[in-house]
Amino acid sequence: MAHVNPDLHAQGYVFMPTNRVTAVLSSYDDLQGGLRALDPLEFEPQHIDVFAGPEGAELLDLCGQRHGVATWMLRNIAA
């Protein structure tokens, strides 16, 4: 089963998650469709992280706001 709102830094600081696919979906039905689309690509469920709601957005922290100015700048330049 996919992990919901995991702490990406539980095993130590991660500057930029690599080997990841990120998508923003507007509904639970879209999420289910996305998860089904990963099945034939042989993604293992234990390697799928789902971030949902405000808590998930804070944990994912795409802009790097919780990781200092340098990380924030580098992530926003790369985007």
C-alpha atoms as a PDB file:
ATOM      1  CA  MET A   1       0.000   0.000   0.000  1.00  0.00           C
ATOM      2  CA  ALA A   2       1.167   3.558  -0.692  1.00  0.00           C
ATOM      3  CA  HIS A   3       2.419   5.677   2.198  1.00  0.00           C
ATOM      4  CA  VAL A   4       0.208   8.689   2.980  1.00  0.00           C
ATOM      5  CA  ASN A   5       1.909  11.912   4.144  1.00  0.00           C
ATOM      6  CA  PRO A   6       5.268  10.361   5.061  1.00  0.00           C
ATOM      7  CA  ASP A   7       8.069  12.464   6.505  1.00  0.00           C
ATOM      8  CA  LEU A   8      10.663  12.486   3.722  1.00  0.00           C
ATOM      9  CA  HIS A   9      13.346  13.518   6.202  1.00  0.00           C
ATOM     10  CA  ALA A  10      12.711  10.804   8.819  1.00  0.00           C
ATOM     11  CA  GLN A  11      15.921   9.036   7.805  1.00  0.00           C
ATOM     12  CA  GLY A  12      17.924  12.271   7.505  1.00  0.00           C
ATOM     13  CA  TYR A  13      17.805  15.494   5.533  1.00  0.00           C
ATOM     14  CA  VAL A  14      16.967  15.175   1.836  1.00  0.00           C
ATOM     15  CA  PHE A  15      17.976  18.259  -0.172  1.00  0.00           C
ATOM     16  CA  MET A  16      16.110  17.305  -3.334  1.00  0.00           C
ATOM     17  CA  PRO A  17      14.122  14.080  -3.580  1.00  0.00           C
ATOM     18  CA  THR A  18      15.329  12.235  -6.684  1.00  0.00           C
ATOM     19  CA  ASN A  19      13.873   9.377  -8.692  1.00  0.00           C
ATOM     20  CA  ARG A  20      10.392  10.653  -7.906  1.00  0.00           C
ATOM     21  CA  VAL A  21       7.286  11.532  -9.880  1.00  0.00           C
ATOM     22  CA  THR A  22       5.234  14.437  -8.567  1.00  0.00           C
ATOM     23  CA  ALA A  23       1.669  15.227  -9.587  1.00  0.00           C
ATOM     24  CA  VAL A  24      -0.989  17.549  -8.240  1.00  0.00           C
ATOM     25  CA  LEU A  25      -4.418  15.983  -8.505  1.00  0.00           C
ATOM     26  CA  SER A  26      -7.723  17.635  -7.740  1.00  0.00           C
ATOM     27  CA  SER A  27      -9.740  14.668  -6.525  1.00  0.00           C
ATOM     28  CA  TYR A  28      -9.596  11.259  -4.909  1.00  0.00           C
ATOM     29  CA  ASP A  29     -10.854   9.732  -8.181  1.00  0.00           C
ATOM     30  CA  ASP A  30      -7.904  11.290 -10.030  1.00  0.00           C
ATOM     31  CA  LEU A  31      -5.553   9.840  -7.417  1.00  0.00           C
ATOM     32  CA  GLN A  32      -7.024   6.362  -7.875  1.00  0.00           C
ATOM     33  CA  GLY A  33      -6.623   6.681 -11.649  1.00  0.00           C
ATOM     34  CA  GLY A  34      -3.025   7.769 -11.225  1.00  0.00           C
ATOM     35  CA  LEU A  35      -2.262   4.848  -8.922  1.00  0.00           C
ATOM     36  CA  ARG A  36      -3.846   2.433 -11.412  1.00  0.00           C
ATOM     37  CA  ALA A  37      -1.690   3.928 -14.184  1.00  0.00           C
ATOM     38  CA  LEU A  38       1.430   3.085 -12.169  1.00  0.00           C
ATOM     39  CA  ASP A  39       0.516  -0.632 -11.957  1.00  0.00           C
ATOM     40  CA  PRO A  40       1.666  -1.647 -15.461  1.00  0.00           C
ATOM     41  CA  LEU A  41       4.852   0.376 -14.951  1.00  0.00           C
ATOM     42  CA  GLU A  42       5.724  -1.980 -12.093  1.00  0.00           C
ATOM     43  CA  PHE A  43       5.916   0.648  -9.360  1.00  0.00           C
ATOM     44  CA  GLU A  44       5.835  -1.212  -6.073  1.00  0.00           C
ATOM     45  CA  PRO A  45       3.174   0.143  -3.690  1.00  0.00           C
ATOM     46  CA  GLN A  46       5.656   0.442  -0.820  1.00  0.00           C
ATOM     47  CA  HIS A  47       7.652   2.892  -2.977  1.00  0.00           C
ATOM     48  CA  ILE A  48       4.688   5.219  -3.571  1.00  0.00           C
ATOM     49  CA  ASP A  49       4.215   8.249  -1.329  1.00  0.00           C
ATOM     50  CA  VAL A  50       0.942  10.193  -1.445  1.00  0.00           C
ATOM     51  CA  PHE A  51       0.736  13.674   0.063  1.00  0.00           C
ATOM     52  CA  ALA A  52      -2.811  14.813   0.777  1.00  0.00           C
ATOM     53  CA  GLY A  53      -4.346  17.951   2.206  1.00  0.00           C
ATOM     54  CA  PRO A  54      -2.601  20.816   3.992  1.00  0.00           C
ATOM     55  CA  GLU A  55      -0.498  18.415   6.088  1.00  0.00           C
ATOM     56  CA  GLY A  56       0.769  16.660   2.965  1.00  0.00           C
ATOM     57  CA  ALA A  57       1.604  19.957   1.262  1.00  0.00           C
ATOM     58  CA  GLU A  58       3.592  21.061   4.302  1.00  0.00           C
ATOM     59  CA  LEU A  59       5.509  17.771   4.433  1.00  0.00           C
ATOM     60  CA  LEU A  60       6.274  17.801   0.717  1.00  0.00           C
ATOM     61  CA  ASP A  61       7.495  21.435   0.937  1.00  0.00           C
ATOM     62  CA  LEU A  62       8.206  21.831  -2.781  1.00  0.00           C
ATOM     63  CA  CYS A  63       9.475  25.385  -2.353  1.00  0.00           C
ATOM     64  CA  GLY A  64      11.888  24.443   0.433  1.00  0.00           C
ATOM     65  CA  GLN A  65      10.562  27.100   2.816  1.00  0.00           C
ATOM     66  CA  ARG A  66      11.364  24.982   5.889  1.00  0.00           C
ATOM     67  CA  HIS A  67      14.935  24.262   4.789  1.00  0.00           C
ATOM     68  CA  GLY A  68      16.619  27.622   4.821  1.00  0.00           C
ATOM     69  CA  VAL A  69      17.277  30.374   2.318  1.00  0.00           C
ATOM     70  CA  ALA A  70      19.831  28.473   0.198  1.00  0.00           C
ATOM     71  CA  THR A  71      17.482  25.538  -0.414  1.00  0.00           C
ATOM     72  CA  TRP A  72      14.559  27.867  -1.100  1.00  0.00           C
ATOM     73  CA  MET A  73      16.613  29.790  -3.683  1.00  0.00           C
ATOM     74  CA  LEU A  74      17.968  26.686  -5.428  1.00  0.00           C
ATOM     75  CA  ARG A  75      14.566  25.001  -5.634  1.00  0.00           C
ATOM     76  CA  ASN A  76      12.915  28.116  -7.004  1.00  0.00           C
ATOM     77  CA  ILE A  77      15.663  28.689  -9.565  1.00  0.00           C
ATOM     78  CA  ALA A  78      15.395  25.065 -10.722  1.00  0.00           C
ATOM     79  CA  ALA A  79      11.598  25.246 -11.055  1.00  0.00           C
END
